[in-house]
Amino acid sequence: FWHSPASLAHPRPPPPYSIHDHVSPSLPPTTPRAQRRASGLVQPSATTNGLDGPWLISNAVRQITMGIFSQIFGGDRSDGQFRSAMQHLSNRVDQSERNSGRIQVLRNSGVSERDRRSLKVYFITNSREKAKALIVELSALGHRCEWSPPSGRDNEFIVSGVTCDLSMNDEQIMKWTDEMCDLAAGLDCEFEHWTLQ
């Protein structure tokens, strides 16, 4: 196009400045792909202007964090551990909550807080050695228990038996249940439940 001398002498002023006209080299462009890459859905290419380093560090931290949570909350275990510390704690809380209904069954059966009765107990674990170790500890407390091999796909060894006479006081039952959970957890077993003998 032909431009008059006047237009060359007085060029048009630039358009108003927009924040979108400048992108800081230290920040990733706000494009959908960049947003998806930041969320881990798209990996950066080899030409992302130096963004590969931070992304790889962030991804490594995320993978390590997920690994830690997997160890805490369970999942596929290759070290032979039956239950994680978090699972043991969860079972302890669950058993304490279930005791309310179990104690009510005792009272409906005519068992008072002044009585002493023996209870049927059940534990589970994932190896014969752990089951036998638990039986030794239970026997030292006066409980008569035995173990049985897995009978289903869960591959769980069952330890069951009868306790010595225990106080049927509400508070004592709650305390005893916590002790059974802790004893089992110390041997990587799990206290399943108890019923009236």
C-alpha atoms as a PDB file:
ATOM      1  CA  PHE A   1       0.000   0.000   0.000  1.00  0.00           C
ATOM      2  CA  TRP A   2       1.084   3.561  -0.628  1.00  0.00           C
ATOM      3  CA  HIS A   3       1.575   5.810   2.400  1.00  0.00           C
ATOM      4  CA  SER A   4       1.495   9.550   2.201  1.00  0.00           C
ATOM      5  CA  PRO A   5       4.461  11.519   3.599  1.00  0.00           C
ATOM      6  CA  ALA A   6       2.175  12.827   6.331  1.00  0.00           C
ATOM      7  CA  SER A   7       1.376   9.318   7.560  1.00  0.00           C
ATOM      8  CA  LEU A   8       5.086   8.469   7.597  1.00  0.00           C
ATOM      9  CA  ALA A   9       5.968  11.579   9.528  1.00  0.00           C
ATOM     10  CA  HIS A  10       3.267  10.959  12.123  1.00  0.00           C
ATOM     11  CA  PRO A  11       2.840   7.214  12.618  1.00  0.00           C
ATOM     12  CA  ARG A  12      -0.198   5.947  14.401  1.00  0.00           C
ATOM     13  CA  PRO A  13       0.189   5.518  18.148  1.00  0.00           C
ATOM     14  CA  PRO A  14       0.317   1.950  19.372  1.00  0.00           C
ATOM     15  CA  PRO A  15      -2.923   0.439  20.668  1.00  0.00           C
ATOM     16  CA  PRO A  16      -3.610   0.659  24.406  1.00  0.00           C
ATOM     17  CA  TYR A  17      -1.371  -1.665  26.414  1.00  0.00           C
ATOM     18  CA  SER A  18      -2.992  -4.923  27.436  1.00  0.00           C
ATOM     19  CA  ILE A  19      -1.745  -7.298  30.083  1.00  0.00           C
ATOM     20  CA  HIS A  20      -2.203 -10.086  27.562  1.00  0.00           C
ATOM     21  CA  ASP A  21       0.436  -8.465  25.307  1.00  0.00           C
ATOM     22  CA  HIS A  22       3.202  -9.489  27.684  1.00  0.00           C
ATOM     23  CA  VAL A  23       3.888 -12.881  29.202  1.00  0.00           C
ATOM     24  CA  SER A  24       6.539 -13.156  31.856  1.00  0.00           C
ATOM     25  CA  PRO A  25       9.204 -15.671  30.829  1.00  0.00           C
ATOM     26  CA  SER A  26       9.121 -17.072  34.364  1.00  0.00           C
ATOM     27  CA  LEU A  27       5.458 -18.064  34.171  1.00  0.00           C
ATOM     28  CA  PRO A  28       3.815 -20.721  31.962  1.00  0.00           C
ATOM     29  CA  PRO A  29       1.322 -19.428  29.397  1.00  0.00           C
ATOM     30  CA  THR A  30      -2.261 -19.644  30.581  1.00  0.00           C
ATOM     31  CA  THR A  31      -3.444 -21.952  27.828  1.00  0.00           C
ATOM     32  CA  PRO A  32      -5.663 -24.990  28.308  1.00  0.00           C
ATOM     33  CA  ARG A  33      -2.691 -27.221  27.529  1.00  0.00           C
ATOM     34  CA  ALA A  34      -0.563 -25.508  30.160  1.00  0.00           C
ATOM     35  CA  GLN A  35      -3.373 -25.876  32.675  1.00  0.00           C
ATOM     36  CA  ARG A  36      -3.755 -29.553  31.841  1.00  0.00           C
ATOM     37  CA  ARG A  37      -0.006 -30.011  32.055  1.00  0.00           C
ATOM     38  CA  ALA A  38       0.019 -28.373  35.488  1.00  0.00           C
ATOM     39  CA  SER A  39      -2.637 -30.826  36.641  1.00  0.00           C
ATOM     40  CA  GLY A  40      -0.500 -33.746  35.458  1.00  0.00           C
ATOM     41  CA  LEU A  41      -2.769 -34.724  32.545  1.00  0.00           C
ATOM     42  CA  VAL A  42      -0.243 -33.742  29.865  1.00  0.00           C
ATOM     43  CA  GLN A  43       3.488 -34.122  30.218  1.00  0.00           C
ATOM     44  CA  PRO A  44       5.657 -31.246  28.975  1.00  0.00           C
ATOM     45  CA  SER A  45       7.633 -31.619  25.788  1.00  0.00           C
ATOM     46  CA  ALA A  46      11.348 -31.014  25.434  1.00  0.00           C
ATOM     47  CA  THR A  47      10.698 -27.450  24.224  1.00  0.00           C
ATOM     48  CA  THR A  48       8.794 -25.884  27.105  1.00  0.00           C
ATOM     49  CA  ASN A  49      11.274 -23.050  27.751  1.00  0.00           C
ATOM     50  CA  GLY A  50      12.799 -24.511  30.885  1.00  0.00           C
ATOM     51  CA  LEU A  51       9.570 -25.679  32.491  1.00  0.00           C
ATOM     52  CA  ASP A  52      10.599 -29.350  32.485  1.00  0.00           C
ATOM     53  CA  GLY A  53      12.705 -29.049  35.638  1.00  0.00           C
ATOM     54  CA  PRO A  54       9.956 -27.650  37.911  1.00  0.00           C
ATOM     55  CA  TRP A  55       7.380 -30.018  36.441  1.00  0.00           C
ATOM     56  CA  LEU A  56       9.591 -33.076  37.025  1.00  0.00           C
ATOM     57  CA  ILE A  57      10.285 -32.001  40.610  1.00  0.00           C
ATOM     58  CA  SER A  58       6.568 -31.440  41.240  1.00  0.00           C
ATOM     59  CA  ASN A  59       5.705 -34.805  39.717  1.00  0.00           C
ATOM     60  CA  ALA A  60       8.366 -36.578  41.797  1.00  0.00           C
ATOM     61  CA  VAL A  61       7.043 -34.982  44.981  1.00  0.00           C
ATOM     62  CA  ARG A  62       3.506 -36.056  44.065  1.00  0.00           C
ATOM     63  CA  GLN A  63       4.613 -39.638  43.436  1.00  0.00           C
ATOM     64  CA  ILE A  64       6.507 -39.803  46.741  1.00  0.00           C
ATOM     65  CA  THR A  65       3.515 -38.361  48.615  1.00  0.00           C
ATOM     66  CA  MET A  66       1.141 -40.904  47.061  1.00  0.00           C
ATOM     67  CA  GLY A  67       3.567 -43.671  48.007  1.00  0.00           C
ATOM     68  CA  ILE A  68       3.561 -42.519  51.622  1.00  0.00           C
ATOM     69  CA  PHE A  69      -0.239 -42.409  51.719  1.00  0.00           C
ATOM     70  CA  SER A  70      -0.356 -45.883  50.197  1.00  0.00           C
ATOM     71  CA  GLN A  71       1.865 -47.175  52.987  1.00  0.00           C
ATOM     72  CA  ILE A  72      -0.241 -45.447  55.661  1.00  0.00           C
ATOM     73  CA  PHE A  73      -3.706 -46.312  54.398  1.00  0.00           C
ATOM     74  CA  GLY A  74      -2.962 -49.758  53.047  1.00  0.00           C
ATOM     75  CA  GLY A  75      -3.034 -51.036  49.519  1.00  0.00           C
ATOM     76  CA  ASP A  76      -0.821 -53.602  47.802  1.00  0.00           C
ATOM     77  CA  ARG A  77       1.887 -54.639  50.250  1.00  0.00           C
ATOM     78  CA  SER A  78       5.010 -56.564  49.313  1.00  0.00           C
ATOM     79  CA  ASP A  79       6.604 -56.767  52.770  1.00  0.00           C
ATOM     80  CA  GLY A  80       4.153 -59.331  54.230  1.00  0.00           C
ATOM     81  CA  GLN A  81       2.530 -56.835  56.593  1.00  0.00           C
ATOM     82  CA  PHE A  82      -1.097 -57.661  57.326  1.00  0.00           C
ATOM     83  CA  ARG A  83      -2.404 -54.292  58.482  1.00  0.00           C
ATOM     84  CA  SER A  84      -0.977 -50.776  58.440  1.00  0.00           C
ATOM     85  CA  ALA A  85      -0.796 -48.614  61.559  1.00  0.00           C
ATOM     86  CA  MET A  86      -3.756 -46.579  60.306  1.00  0.00           C
ATOM     87  CA  GLN A  87      -5.822 -49.720  59.764  1.00  0.00           C
ATOM     88  CA  HIS A  88      -5.042 -50.926  63.275  1.00  0.00           C
ATOM     89  CA  LEU A  89      -6.137 -47.578  64.684  1.00  0.00           C
ATOM     90  CA  SER A  90      -9.320 -47.631  62.610  1.00  0.00           C
ATOM     91  CA  ASN A  91     -10.178 -51.121  63.864  1.00  0.00           C
ATOM     92  CA  ARG A  92      -9.618 -50.033  67.479  1.00  0.00           C
ATOM     93  CA  VAL A  93     -12.101 -47.203  67.059  1.00  0.00           C
ATOM     94  CA  ASP A  94     -14.562 -49.488  65.250  1.00  0.00           C
ATOM     95  CA  GLN A  95     -14.426 -52.134  67.999  1.00  0.00           C
ATOM     96  CA  SER A  96     -15.036 -49.491  70.652  1.00  0.00           C
ATOM     97  CA  GLU A  97     -18.114 -48.258  68.780  1.00  0.00           C
ATOM     98  CA  ARG A  98     -19.463 -51.799  68.340  1.00  0.00           C
ATOM     99  CA  ASN A  99     -19.176 -52.469  72.057  1.00  0.00           C
ATOM    100  CA  SER A 100     -22.281 -50.405  72.745  1.00  0.00           C
ATOM    101  CA  GLY A 101     -24.439 -52.922  70.897  1.00  0.00           C
ATOM    102  CA  ARG A 102     -22.595 -55.925  72.309  1.00  0.00           C
ATOM    103  CA  ILE A 103     -22.953 -54.709  75.877  1.00  0.00           C
ATOM    104  CA  GLN A 104     -26.656 -54.165  75.269  1.00  0.00           C
ATOM    105  CA  VAL A 105     -26.912 -57.807  74.181  1.00  0.00           C
ATOM    106  CA  LEU A 106     -25.288 -58.818  77.465  1.00  0.00           C
ATOM    107  CA  ARG A 107     -27.777 -56.821  79.462  1.00  0.00           C
ATOM    108  CA  ASN A 108     -30.707 -58.217  77.474  1.00  0.00           C
ATOM    109  CA  SER A 109     -29.361 -61.706  78.200  1.00  0.00           C
ATOM    110  CA  GLY A 110     -29.507 -61.045  81.932  1.00  0.00           C
ATOM    111  CA  VAL A 111     -25.768 -60.427  82.418  1.00  0.00           C
ATOM    112  CA  SER A 112     -25.257 -57.638  84.941  1.00  0.00           C
ATOM    113  CA  GLU A 113     -22.214 -55.437  85.476  1.00  0.00           C
ATOM    114  CA  ARG A 114     -21.436 -57.379  88.663  1.00  0.00           C
ATOM    115  CA  ASP A 115     -21.134 -60.708  86.830  1.00  0.00           C
ATOM    116  CA  ARG A 116     -17.982 -62.366  85.542  1.00  0.00           C
ATOM    117  CA  ARG A 117     -18.210 -64.363  82.334  1.00  0.00           C
ATOM    118  CA  SER A 118     -15.942 -65.825  79.700  1.00  0.00           C
ATOM    119  CA  LEU A 119     -16.226 -64.584  76.125  1.00  0.00           C
ATOM    120  CA  LYS A 120     -15.627 -66.074  72.710  1.00  0.00           C
ATOM    121  CA  VAL A 121     -12.945 -64.119  70.836  1.00  0.00           C
ATOM    122  CA  TYR A 122     -11.844 -64.030  67.215  1.00  0.00           C
ATOM    123  CA  PHE A 123      -8.689 -62.644  65.594  1.00  0.00           C
ATOM    124  CA  ILE A 124      -7.325 -62.727  62.058  1.00  0.00           C
ATOM    125  CA  THR A 125      -3.850 -62.428  60.520  1.00  0.00           C
ATOM    126  CA  ASN A 126      -1.983 -63.438  57.373  1.00  0.00           C
ATOM    127  CA  SER A 127       0.548 -66.031  58.568  1.00  0.00           C
ATOM    128  CA  ARG A 128       0.746 -69.105  60.743  1.00  0.00           C
ATOM    129  CA  GLU A 129       3.718 -67.688  62.648  1.00  0.00           C
ATOM    130  CA  LYS A 130       1.798 -64.572  63.655  1.00  0.00           C
ATOM    131  CA  ALA A 131      -1.214 -66.660  64.675  1.00  0.00           C
ATOM    132  CA  LYS A 132       0.953 -68.866  66.884  1.00  0.00           C
ATOM    133  CA  ALA A 133       2.677 -65.862  68.460  1.00  0.00           C
ATOM    134  CA  LEU A 134      -0.727 -64.374  69.288  1.00  0.00           C
ATOM    135  CA  ILE A 135      -1.864 -67.629  70.917  1.00  0.00           C
ATOM    136  CA  VAL A 136       1.206 -67.585  73.154  1.00  0.00           C
ATOM    137  CA  GLU A 137       0.360 -64.074  74.354  1.00  0.00           C
ATOM    138  CA  LEU A 138      -3.314 -64.901  74.865  1.00  0.00           C
ATOM    139  CA  SER A 139      -2.437 -68.048  76.812  1.00  0.00           C
ATOM    140  CA  ALA A 140      -0.277 -65.967  79.159  1.00  0.00           C
ATOM    141  CA  LEU A 141      -3.429 -63.980  79.983  1.00  0.00           C
ATOM    142  CA  GLY A 142      -5.403 -67.128  80.749  1.00  0.00           C
ATOM    143  CA  HIS A 143      -7.290 -67.335  77.455  1.00  0.00           C
ATOM    144  CA  ARG A 144      -7.604 -70.659  75.603  1.00  0.00           C
ATOM    145  CA  CYS A 145      -7.260 -70.190  71.855  1.00  0.00           C
ATOM    146  CA  GLU A 146      -6.286 -72.065  68.732  1.00  0.00           C
ATOM    147  CA  TRP A 147      -5.620 -71.163  65.125  1.00  0.00           C
ATOM    148  CA  SER A 148      -7.071 -72.475  61.885  1.00  0.00           C
ATOM    149  CA  PRO A 149      -5.722 -72.134  58.313  1.00  0.00           C
ATOM    150  CA  PRO A 150      -7.352 -69.999  55.632  1.00  0.00           C
ATOM    151  CA  SER A 151     -10.514 -71.457  54.166  1.00  0.00           C
ATOM    152  CA  GLY A 152     -11.303 -68.830  51.524  1.00  0.00           C
ATOM    153  CA  ARG A 153      -9.710 -66.442  49.076  1.00  0.00           C
ATOM    154  CA  ASP A 154      -8.867 -63.913  51.806  1.00  0.00           C
ATOM    155  CA  ASN A 155      -5.864 -66.004  52.889  1.00  0.00           C
ATOM    156  CA  GLU A 156      -6.560 -65.122  56.524  1.00  0.00           C
ATOM    157  CA  PHE A 157      -5.569 -67.297  59.453  1.00  0.00           C
ATOM    158  CA  ILE A 158      -8.181 -67.307  62.207  1.00  0.00           C
ATOM    159  CA  VAL A 159      -7.374 -67.374  65.905  1.00  0.00           C
ATOM    160  CA  SER A 160     -10.403 -68.159  68.054  1.00  0.00           C
ATOM    161  CA  GLY A 161     -11.066 -69.307  71.576  1.00  0.00           C
ATOM    162  CA  VAL A 162     -12.518 -68.610  74.996  1.00  0.00           C
ATOM    163  CA  THR A 163     -11.282 -66.073  77.511  1.00  0.00           C
ATOM    164  CA  CYS A 164     -10.908 -66.549  81.218  1.00  0.00           C
ATOM    165  CA  ASP A 165     -13.657 -65.086  83.378  1.00  0.00           C
ATOM    166  CA  LEU A 166     -13.850 -61.354  82.799  1.00  0.00           C
ATOM    167  CA  SER A 167     -15.695 -58.561  84.559  1.00  0.00           C
ATOM    168  CA  MET A 168     -18.872 -57.646  82.713  1.00  0.00           C
ATOM    169  CA  ASN A 169     -18.670 -54.042  83.899  1.00  0.00           C
ATOM    170  CA  ASP A 170     -19.167 -51.638  81.003  1.00  0.00           C
ATOM    171  CA  GLU A 171     -15.928 -49.763  81.625  1.00  0.00           C
ATOM    172  CA  GLN A 172     -13.926 -52.953  82.082  1.00  0.00           C
ATOM    173  CA  ILE A 173     -15.263 -54.409  78.827  1.00  0.00           C
ATOM    174  CA  MET A 174     -14.288 -51.266  76.950  1.00  0.00           C
ATOM    175  CA  LYS A 175     -10.805 -51.324  78.480  1.00  0.00           C
ATOM    176  CA  TRP A 176     -10.351 -55.036  77.771  1.00  0.00           C
ATOM    177  CA  THR A 177     -11.397 -54.573  74.131  1.00  0.00           C
ATOM    178  CA  ASP A 178      -8.791 -51.836  73.654  1.00  0.00           C
ATOM    179  CA  GLU A 179      -6.175 -54.141  75.200  1.00  0.00           C
ATOM    180  CA  MET A 180      -7.073 -56.948  72.807  1.00  0.00           C
ATOM    181  CA  CYS A 181      -6.812 -54.586  69.829  1.00  0.00           C
ATOM    182  CA  ASP A 182      -3.403 -53.339  70.977  1.00  0.00           C
ATOM    183  CA  LEU A 183      -2.135 -56.847  71.699  1.00  0.00           C
ATOM    184  CA  ALA A 184      -3.165 -58.032  68.237  1.00  0.00           C
ATOM    185  CA  ALA A 185      -1.730 -54.943  66.543  1.00  0.00           C
ATOM    186  CA  GLY A 186       1.632 -55.505  68.213  1.00  0.00           C
ATOM    187  CA  LEU A 187       1.844 -58.888  66.464  1.00  0.00           C
ATOM    188  CA  ASP A 188       0.376 -57.642  63.161  1.00  0.00           C
ATOM    189  CA  CYS A 189      -2.937 -59.382  63.811  1.00  0.00           C
ATOM    190  CA  GLU A 190      -6.421 -57.920  64.057  1.00  0.00           C
ATOM    191  CA  PHE A 191      -9.023 -58.352  66.767  1.00  0.00           C
ATOM    192  CA  GLU A 192     -12.248 -59.227  64.987  1.00  0.00           C
ATOM    193  CA  HIS A 193     -14.992 -59.417  67.609  1.00  0.00           C
ATOM    194  CA  TRP A 194     -16.215 -61.046  70.787  1.00  0.00           C
ATOM    195  CA  THR A 195     -19.464 -62.708  71.804  1.00  0.00           C
ATOM    196  CA  LEU A 196     -20.910 -64.146  74.983  1.00  0.00           C
ATOM    197  CA  GLN A 197     -19.730 -67.694  75.753  1.00  0.00           C
END
